[in-house]
């Protein structure tokens, strides 16, 4: 198909009790270098989170997911990553970490519409 570009994405997993390793999907980060596109879409299913851990810090998880969105958006909300290009911000976001919100493995695909693809991935993988 003409006009399609390579993109990379990772699912943001919410792991309320890291020692147990159980998770729910809380969002998707998508990066398309050719289009200079970097964005995250998040959705927290509070009921599912509290099923895994009734004592989960829901507001803390929401804040961590929102922070990923802010890093993608760049600007003042991105903190120390504000001056980095989208590729560096994506690589920082997908670096493995042992926290409540963790990036999953990176996958690739082709798309002519990165924003539309991100919306589709969130519908399929998160909702």
C-alpha atoms as a PDB file:
ATOM      1  CA  UNK A   1       0.000   0.000   0.000  1.00  0.00           C
ATOM      2  CA  UNK A   2       1.344   3.431  -0.925  1.00  0.00           C
ATOM      3  CA  UNK A   3       2.122   5.926   1.830  1.00  0.00           C
ATOM      4  CA  UNK A   4       2.441   3.429   4.655  1.00  0.00           C
ATOM      5  CA  UNK A   5       5.297   3.916   7.072  1.00  0.00           C
ATOM      6  CA  UNK A   6       6.929   1.732   9.704  1.00  0.00           C
ATOM      7  CA  UNK A   7       5.773   2.318  13.272  1.00  0.00           C
ATOM      8  CA  UNK A   8       6.729   0.858  16.629  1.00  0.00           C
ATOM      9  CA  UNK A   9       4.494   0.422  19.620  1.00  0.00           C
ATOM     10  CA  UNK A  10       4.519  -0.908  23.160  1.00  0.00           C
ATOM     11  CA  UNK A  11       1.680  -1.683  25.526  1.00  0.00           C
ATOM     12  CA  UNK A  12       1.825  -0.008  28.927  1.00  0.00           C
ATOM     13  CA  UNK A  13       1.170  -2.683  31.520  1.00  0.00           C
ATOM     14  CA  UNK A  14      -0.135  -1.914  34.978  1.00  0.00           C
ATOM     15  CA  UNK A  15       1.441  -4.282  37.495  1.00  0.00           C
ATOM     16  CA  UNK A  16      -0.036  -3.360  40.894  1.00  0.00           C
ATOM     17  CA  UNK A  17       2.027  -5.923  42.805  1.00  0.00           C
ATOM     18  CA  UNK A  18       5.350  -6.275  41.029  1.00  0.00           C
ATOM     19  CA  UNK A  19       6.285  -9.355  43.057  1.00  0.00           C
ATOM     20  CA  UNK A  20       3.232 -11.231  41.671  1.00  0.00           C
ATOM     21  CA  UNK A  21       3.755 -10.213  38.046  1.00  0.00           C
ATOM     22  CA  UNK A  22       0.022  -9.949  37.284  1.00  0.00           C
ATOM     23  CA  UNK A  23      -0.934  -7.117  34.962  1.00  0.00           C
ATOM     24  CA  UNK A  24      -3.630  -5.376  32.996  1.00  0.00           C
ATOM     25  CA  UNK A  25      -3.063  -3.308  29.883  1.00  0.00           C
ATOM     26  CA  UNK A  26      -3.345   0.401  30.610  1.00  0.00           C
ATOM     27  CA  UNK A  27      -2.321   2.079  27.362  1.00  0.00           C
ATOM     28  CA  UNK A  28      -0.278   2.051  24.184  1.00  0.00           C
ATOM     29  CA  UNK A  29       2.670   4.188  23.068  1.00  0.00           C
ATOM     30  CA  UNK A  30       3.184   4.510  19.309  1.00  0.00           C
ATOM     31  CA  UNK A  31       6.167   6.012  17.489  1.00  0.00           C
ATOM     32  CA  UNK A  32       6.465   6.578  13.735  1.00  0.00           C
ATOM     33  CA  UNK A  33       9.840   8.090  12.873  1.00  0.00           C
ATOM     34  CA  UNK A  34       8.932   8.936   9.265  1.00  0.00           C
ATOM     35  CA  UNK A  35       5.975  11.023  10.450  1.00  0.00           C
ATOM     36  CA  UNK A  36       7.678  12.414  13.582  1.00  0.00           C
ATOM     37  CA  UNK A  37       4.725  10.987  15.468  1.00  0.00           C
ATOM     38  CA  UNK A  38       4.868   9.992  19.126  1.00  0.00           C
ATOM     39  CA  UNK A  39       1.752   9.602  21.237  1.00  0.00           C
ATOM     40  CA  UNK A  40       0.266   7.542  24.021  1.00  0.00           C
ATOM     41  CA  UNK A  41      -3.360   6.706  24.662  1.00  0.00           C
ATOM     42  CA  UNK A  42      -4.224   5.378  28.095  1.00  0.00           C
ATOM     43  CA  UNK A  43      -7.280   3.858  29.721  1.00  0.00           C
ATOM     44  CA  UNK A  44      -7.373   2.494  33.252  1.00  0.00           C
ATOM     45  CA  UNK A  45     -10.016  -0.116  34.027  1.00  0.00           C
ATOM     46  CA  UNK A  46     -10.254   0.590  37.734  1.00  0.00           C
ATOM     47  CA  UNK A  47     -12.443  -2.452  38.428  1.00  0.00           C
ATOM     48  CA  UNK A  48      -9.906  -4.825  36.859  1.00  0.00           C
ATOM     49  CA  UNK A  49      -7.036  -3.120  38.677  1.00  0.00           C
ATOM     50  CA  UNK A  50      -8.763  -3.463  42.040  1.00  0.00           C
ATOM     51  CA  UNK A  51      -9.553  -7.111  41.287  1.00  0.00           C
ATOM     52  CA  UNK A  52      -5.809  -7.755  41.021  1.00  0.00           C
ATOM     53  CA  UNK A  53      -5.013  -5.661  44.075  1.00  0.00           C
ATOM     54  CA  UNK A  54      -7.830  -4.239  46.233  1.00  0.00           C
ATOM     55  CA  UNK A  55      -5.288  -1.908  47.847  1.00  0.00           C
ATOM     56  CA  UNK A  56      -3.898  -0.524  44.572  1.00  0.00           C
ATOM     57  CA  UNK A  57      -3.109   3.191  44.454  1.00  0.00           C
ATOM     58  CA  UNK A  58      -5.540   4.061  41.647  1.00  0.00           C
ATOM     59  CA  UNK A  59      -4.630   7.748  41.576  1.00  0.00           C
ATOM     60  CA  UNK A  60      -0.913   6.914  41.549  1.00  0.00           C
ATOM     61  CA  UNK A  61      -1.431   4.591  38.584  1.00  0.00           C
ATOM     62  CA  UNK A  62      -3.454   7.260  36.769  1.00  0.00           C
ATOM     63  CA  UNK A  63      -0.647   9.758  37.401  1.00  0.00           C
ATOM     64  CA  UNK A  64       1.988   7.347  36.036  1.00  0.00           C
ATOM     65  CA  UNK A  65      -0.076   6.705  32.881  1.00  0.00           C
ATOM     66  CA  UNK A  66      -0.622  10.439  32.441  1.00  0.00           C
ATOM     67  CA  UNK A  67       3.133  11.005  32.825  1.00  0.00           C
ATOM     68  CA  UNK A  68       3.733   8.697  29.837  1.00  0.00           C
ATOM     69  CA  UNK A  69       1.280  10.789  27.810  1.00  0.00           C
ATOM     70  CA  UNK A  70       3.088  13.971  28.853  1.00  0.00           C
ATOM     71  CA  UNK A  71       6.496  12.623  27.841  1.00  0.00           C
ATOM     72  CA  UNK A  72       5.064  11.739  24.436  1.00  0.00           C
ATOM     73  CA  UNK A  73       3.580  15.216  24.037  1.00  0.00           C
ATOM     74  CA  UNK A  74       6.887  16.864  24.901  1.00  0.00           C
ATOM     75  CA  UNK A  75       7.027  20.453  26.103  1.00  0.00           C
ATOM     76  CA  UNK A  76       6.974  21.489  29.735  1.00  0.00           C
ATOM     77  CA  UNK A  77       5.001  18.406  30.820  1.00  0.00           C
ATOM     78  CA  UNK A  78       7.774  16.082  29.645  1.00  0.00           C
ATOM     79  CA  UNK A  79      10.134  17.067  32.452  1.00  0.00           C
ATOM     80  CA  UNK A  80      13.794  16.281  31.777  1.00  0.00           C
ATOM     81  CA  UNK A  81      12.863  14.707  28.415  1.00  0.00           C
ATOM     82  CA  UNK A  82      11.315  17.950  27.132  1.00  0.00           C
ATOM     83  CA  UNK A  83      14.247  18.792  24.877  1.00  0.00           C
ATOM     84  CA  UNK A  84      14.652  15.298  23.457  1.00  0.00           C
ATOM     85  CA  UNK A  85      13.434  14.360  19.999  1.00  0.00           C
ATOM     86  CA  UNK A  86      10.460  11.957  19.734  1.00  0.00           C
ATOM     87  CA  UNK A  87      12.688   8.935  19.097  1.00  0.00           C
ATOM     88  CA  UNK A  88      14.703   9.484  22.272  1.00  0.00           C
ATOM     89  CA  UNK A  89      11.511  10.022  24.291  1.00  0.00           C
ATOM     90  CA  UNK A  90      10.072   6.766  22.886  1.00  0.00           C
ATOM     91  CA  UNK A  91      13.247   4.839  23.747  1.00  0.00           C
ATOM     92  CA  UNK A  92      13.198   6.278  27.261  1.00  0.00           C
ATOM     93  CA  UNK A  93       9.556   5.269  27.723  1.00  0.00           C
ATOM     94  CA  UNK A  94      10.083   1.693  26.524  1.00  0.00           C
ATOM     95  CA  UNK A  95      13.160   1.054  28.689  1.00  0.00           C
ATOM     96  CA  UNK A  96      12.493  -1.855  31.072  1.00  0.00           C
ATOM     97  CA  UNK A  97      11.639  -0.847  34.607  1.00  0.00           C
ATOM     98  CA  UNK A  98      10.295  -2.489  37.717  1.00  0.00           C
ATOM     99  CA  UNK A  99       7.499  -0.120  38.618  1.00  0.00           C
ATOM    100  CA  UNK A 100       3.718  -0.269  38.708  1.00  0.00           C
ATOM    101  CA  UNK A 101       3.488   0.942  35.072  1.00  0.00           C
ATOM    102  CA  UNK A 102       5.835  -1.011  32.802  1.00  0.00           C
ATOM    103  CA  UNK A 103       6.336  -1.058  29.039  1.00  0.00           C
ATOM    104  CA  UNK A 104       5.785  -4.339  27.266  1.00  0.00           C
ATOM    105  CA  UNK A 105       7.857  -5.576  24.327  1.00  0.00           C
ATOM    106  CA  UNK A 106       8.130  -3.388  21.232  1.00  0.00           C
ATOM    107  CA  UNK A 107       6.214  -4.485  18.151  1.00  0.00           C
ATOM    108  CA  UNK A 108       6.245  -3.021  14.638  1.00  0.00           C
ATOM    109  CA  UNK A 109       3.856  -2.536  11.766  1.00  0.00           C
ATOM    110  CA  UNK A 110       3.013  -0.371   8.757  1.00  0.00           C
ATOM    111  CA  UNK A 111       0.469   2.433   8.704  1.00  0.00           C
ATOM    112  CA  UNK A 112      -0.602   5.450   6.684  1.00  0.00           C
ATOM    113  CA  UNK A 113      -2.315   6.940   9.769  1.00  0.00           C
ATOM    114  CA  UNK A 114      -0.330   6.671  13.025  1.00  0.00           C
ATOM    115  CA  UNK A 115      -3.043   8.348  15.109  1.00  0.00           C
ATOM    116  CA  UNK A 116      -5.726   6.058  13.727  1.00  0.00           C
ATOM    117  CA  UNK A 117      -3.491   3.039  14.281  1.00  0.00           C
ATOM    118  CA  UNK A 118      -2.913   4.091  17.888  1.00  0.00           C
ATOM    119  CA  UNK A 119      -6.664   4.370  18.451  1.00  0.00           C
ATOM    120  CA  UNK A 120      -7.173   0.920  16.906  1.00  0.00           C
ATOM    121  CA  UNK A 121      -4.475  -0.652  19.070  1.00  0.00           C
ATOM    122  CA  UNK A 122      -5.987   0.822  22.227  1.00  0.00           C
ATOM    123  CA  UNK A 123      -9.416  -0.559  21.275  1.00  0.00           C
ATOM    124  CA  UNK A 124      -7.978  -4.019  20.584  1.00  0.00           C
ATOM    125  CA  UNK A 125      -5.370  -4.290  23.345  1.00  0.00           C
ATOM    126  CA  UNK A 126      -6.615  -2.143  26.222  1.00  0.00           C
ATOM    127  CA  UNK A 127     -10.417  -1.796  26.227  1.00  0.00           C
END
